[in-house]
């Protein structure tokens, strides 16, 4: 079974920080996996929920090391990608 097969239409999943970071940073090892996930979110096949902790975890390292562009990308992309669905 692959990721696309596991994402049944109408599914709701909790999205932790790692896949979000891999997607926004375009991580070469994981990008093909998270692209499938975010494509399903984009076409509204599935729904994701997360927590404010995920947003904080995604923002802390870029801001700590002064990567404001990455921090801005995270703060703009994550709430829009998840339609601000925080909590379960």
C-alpha atoms as a PDB file:
ATOM      1  CA  UNK A   1       0.000   0.000   0.000  1.00  0.00           C
ATOM      2  CA  UNK A   2       1.236   3.481  -0.787  1.00  0.00           C
ATOM      3  CA  UNK A   3       0.296   6.834   0.721  1.00  0.00           C
ATOM      4  CA  UNK A   4      -2.240   7.683  -1.976  1.00  0.00           C
ATOM      5  CA  UNK A   5      -4.056   4.403  -1.342  1.00  0.00           C
ATOM      6  CA  UNK A   6      -4.151   5.066   2.409  1.00  0.00           C
ATOM      7  CA  UNK A   7      -5.734   8.504   1.951  1.00  0.00           C
ATOM      8  CA  UNK A   8      -9.332   7.486   1.449  1.00  0.00           C
ATOM      9  CA  UNK A   9     -11.595  10.273   0.192  1.00  0.00           C
ATOM     10  CA  UNK A  10     -13.225  12.049   3.093  1.00  0.00           C
ATOM     11  CA  UNK A  11     -10.513  11.032   5.540  1.00  0.00           C
ATOM     12  CA  UNK A  12      -9.443  13.378   8.282  1.00  0.00           C
ATOM     13  CA  UNK A  13      -5.936  13.111   9.621  1.00  0.00           C
ATOM     14  CA  UNK A  14      -3.811  14.862  12.192  1.00  0.00           C
ATOM     15  CA  UNK A  15      -0.878  16.594  10.565  1.00  0.00           C
ATOM     16  CA  UNK A  16       2.235  16.827  12.690  1.00  0.00           C
ATOM     17  CA  UNK A  17       5.085  19.252  12.083  1.00  0.00           C
ATOM     18  CA  UNK A  18       7.514  16.940  10.227  1.00  0.00           C
ATOM     19  CA  UNK A  19       5.497  16.540   6.998  1.00  0.00           C
ATOM     20  CA  UNK A  20       4.738  20.260   6.964  1.00  0.00           C
ATOM     21  CA  UNK A  21       8.408  21.142   7.313  1.00  0.00           C
ATOM     22  CA  UNK A  22       9.381  18.646   4.612  1.00  0.00           C
ATOM     23  CA  UNK A  23       6.793  20.122   2.266  1.00  0.00           C
ATOM     24  CA  UNK A  24       7.604  23.789   2.802  1.00  0.00           C
ATOM     25  CA  UNK A  25      11.365  23.216   2.706  1.00  0.00           C
ATOM     26  CA  UNK A  26      10.986  20.900  -0.322  1.00  0.00           C
ATOM     27  CA  UNK A  27      13.089  18.198   1.398  1.00  0.00           C
ATOM     28  CA  UNK A  28      14.593  16.058  -1.387  1.00  0.00           C
ATOM     29  CA  UNK A  29      14.207  12.738   0.442  1.00  0.00           C
ATOM     30  CA  UNK A  30      10.584  13.171   1.571  1.00  0.00           C
ATOM     31  CA  UNK A  31       9.091  15.568  -0.975  1.00  0.00           C
ATOM     32  CA  UNK A  32       7.557  12.888  -3.182  1.00  0.00           C
ATOM     33  CA  UNK A  33       5.760  11.465  -0.144  1.00  0.00           C
ATOM     34  CA  UNK A  34       4.420  14.720   1.260  1.00  0.00           C
ATOM     35  CA  UNK A  35       3.455  16.025  -2.188  1.00  0.00           C
ATOM     36  CA  UNK A  36       0.852  13.262  -2.364  1.00  0.00           C
ATOM     37  CA  UNK A  37      -0.519  14.334   0.991  1.00  0.00           C
ATOM     38  CA  UNK A  38      -0.667  18.043   0.192  1.00  0.00           C
ATOM     39  CA  UNK A  39      -2.114  17.376  -3.268  1.00  0.00           C
ATOM     40  CA  UNK A  40      -4.967  15.495  -1.576  1.00  0.00           C
ATOM     41  CA  UNK A  41      -5.436  18.468   0.759  1.00  0.00           C
ATOM     42  CA  UNK A  42      -5.389  20.920  -2.152  1.00  0.00           C
ATOM     43  CA  UNK A  43      -8.064  19.071  -4.088  1.00  0.00           C
ATOM     44  CA  UNK A  44     -10.060  18.566  -0.867  1.00  0.00           C
ATOM     45  CA  UNK A  45     -10.015  14.779  -1.128  1.00  0.00           C
ATOM     46  CA  UNK A  46      -8.991  14.673   2.524  1.00  0.00           C
ATOM     47  CA  UNK A  47      -9.059  17.052   5.450  1.00  0.00           C
ATOM     48  CA  UNK A  48      -6.243  17.676   7.903  1.00  0.00           C
ATOM     49  CA  UNK A  49      -6.290  19.062  11.378  1.00  0.00           C
ATOM     50  CA  UNK A  50      -3.352  20.190  13.436  1.00  0.00           C
ATOM     51  CA  UNK A  51      -2.570  22.158  16.546  1.00  0.00           C
ATOM     52  CA  UNK A  52      -1.030  25.527  17.299  1.00  0.00           C
ATOM     53  CA  UNK A  53       1.938  23.541  18.617  1.00  0.00           C
ATOM     54  CA  UNK A  54       2.602  22.317  15.073  1.00  0.00           C
ATOM     55  CA  UNK A  55       2.680  25.887  13.792  1.00  0.00           C
ATOM     56  CA  UNK A  56       5.044  26.885  16.589  1.00  0.00           C
ATOM     57  CA  UNK A  57       7.333  23.919  15.893  1.00  0.00           C
ATOM     58  CA  UNK A  58       7.429  24.805  12.212  1.00  0.00           C
ATOM     59  CA  UNK A  59       8.324  28.428  12.939  1.00  0.00           C
ATOM     60  CA  UNK A  60      10.851  28.142  15.728  1.00  0.00           C
ATOM     61  CA  UNK A  61      13.960  26.962  13.848  1.00  0.00           C
ATOM     62  CA  UNK A  62      13.704  29.300  10.831  1.00  0.00           C
ATOM     63  CA  UNK A  63      13.145  32.281  13.103  1.00  0.00           C
ATOM     64  CA  UNK A  64      15.860  31.225  15.547  1.00  0.00           C
ATOM     65  CA  UNK A  65      18.504  31.027  12.816  1.00  0.00           C
ATOM     66  CA  UNK A  66      17.315  34.230  11.173  1.00  0.00           C
ATOM     67  CA  UNK A  67      15.759  32.610   8.116  1.00  0.00           C
ATOM     68  CA  UNK A  68      12.899  35.065   7.926  1.00  0.00           C
ATOM     69  CA  UNK A  69      11.910  34.000   4.402  1.00  0.00           C
ATOM     70  CA  UNK A  70      11.358  30.406   5.505  1.00  0.00           C
ATOM     71  CA  UNK A  71       9.545  31.621   8.624  1.00  0.00           C
ATOM     72  CA  UNK A  72       7.278  33.794   6.498  1.00  0.00           C
ATOM     73  CA  UNK A  73       6.611  30.895   4.112  1.00  0.00           C
ATOM     74  CA  UNK A  74       5.688  28.662   7.048  1.00  0.00           C
ATOM     75  CA  UNK A  75       3.435  31.206   8.715  1.00  0.00           C
ATOM     76  CA  UNK A  76       1.602  31.904   5.451  1.00  0.00           C
ATOM     77  CA  UNK A  77       1.480  28.376   4.043  1.00  0.00           C
ATOM     78  CA  UNK A  78       0.455  26.292   7.003  1.00  0.00           C
ATOM     79  CA  UNK A  79      -2.788  28.009   8.020  1.00  0.00           C
ATOM     80  CA  UNK A  80      -3.848  28.361   4.374  1.00  0.00           C
ATOM     81  CA  UNK A  81      -3.025  24.743   3.533  1.00  0.00           C
ATOM     82  CA  UNK A  82      -5.005  23.503   6.495  1.00  0.00           C
ATOM     83  CA  UNK A  83      -7.769  26.103   6.249  1.00  0.00           C
ATOM     84  CA  UNK A  84      -6.980  26.889   9.889  1.00  0.00           C
ATOM     85  CA  UNK A  85      -8.367  23.585  11.138  1.00  0.00           C
ATOM     86  CA  UNK A  86      -6.764  23.516  14.553  1.00  0.00           C
ATOM     87  CA  UNK A  87      -7.766  20.768  16.945  1.00  0.00           C
ATOM     88  CA  UNK A  88      -9.597  17.517  16.468  1.00  0.00           C
END
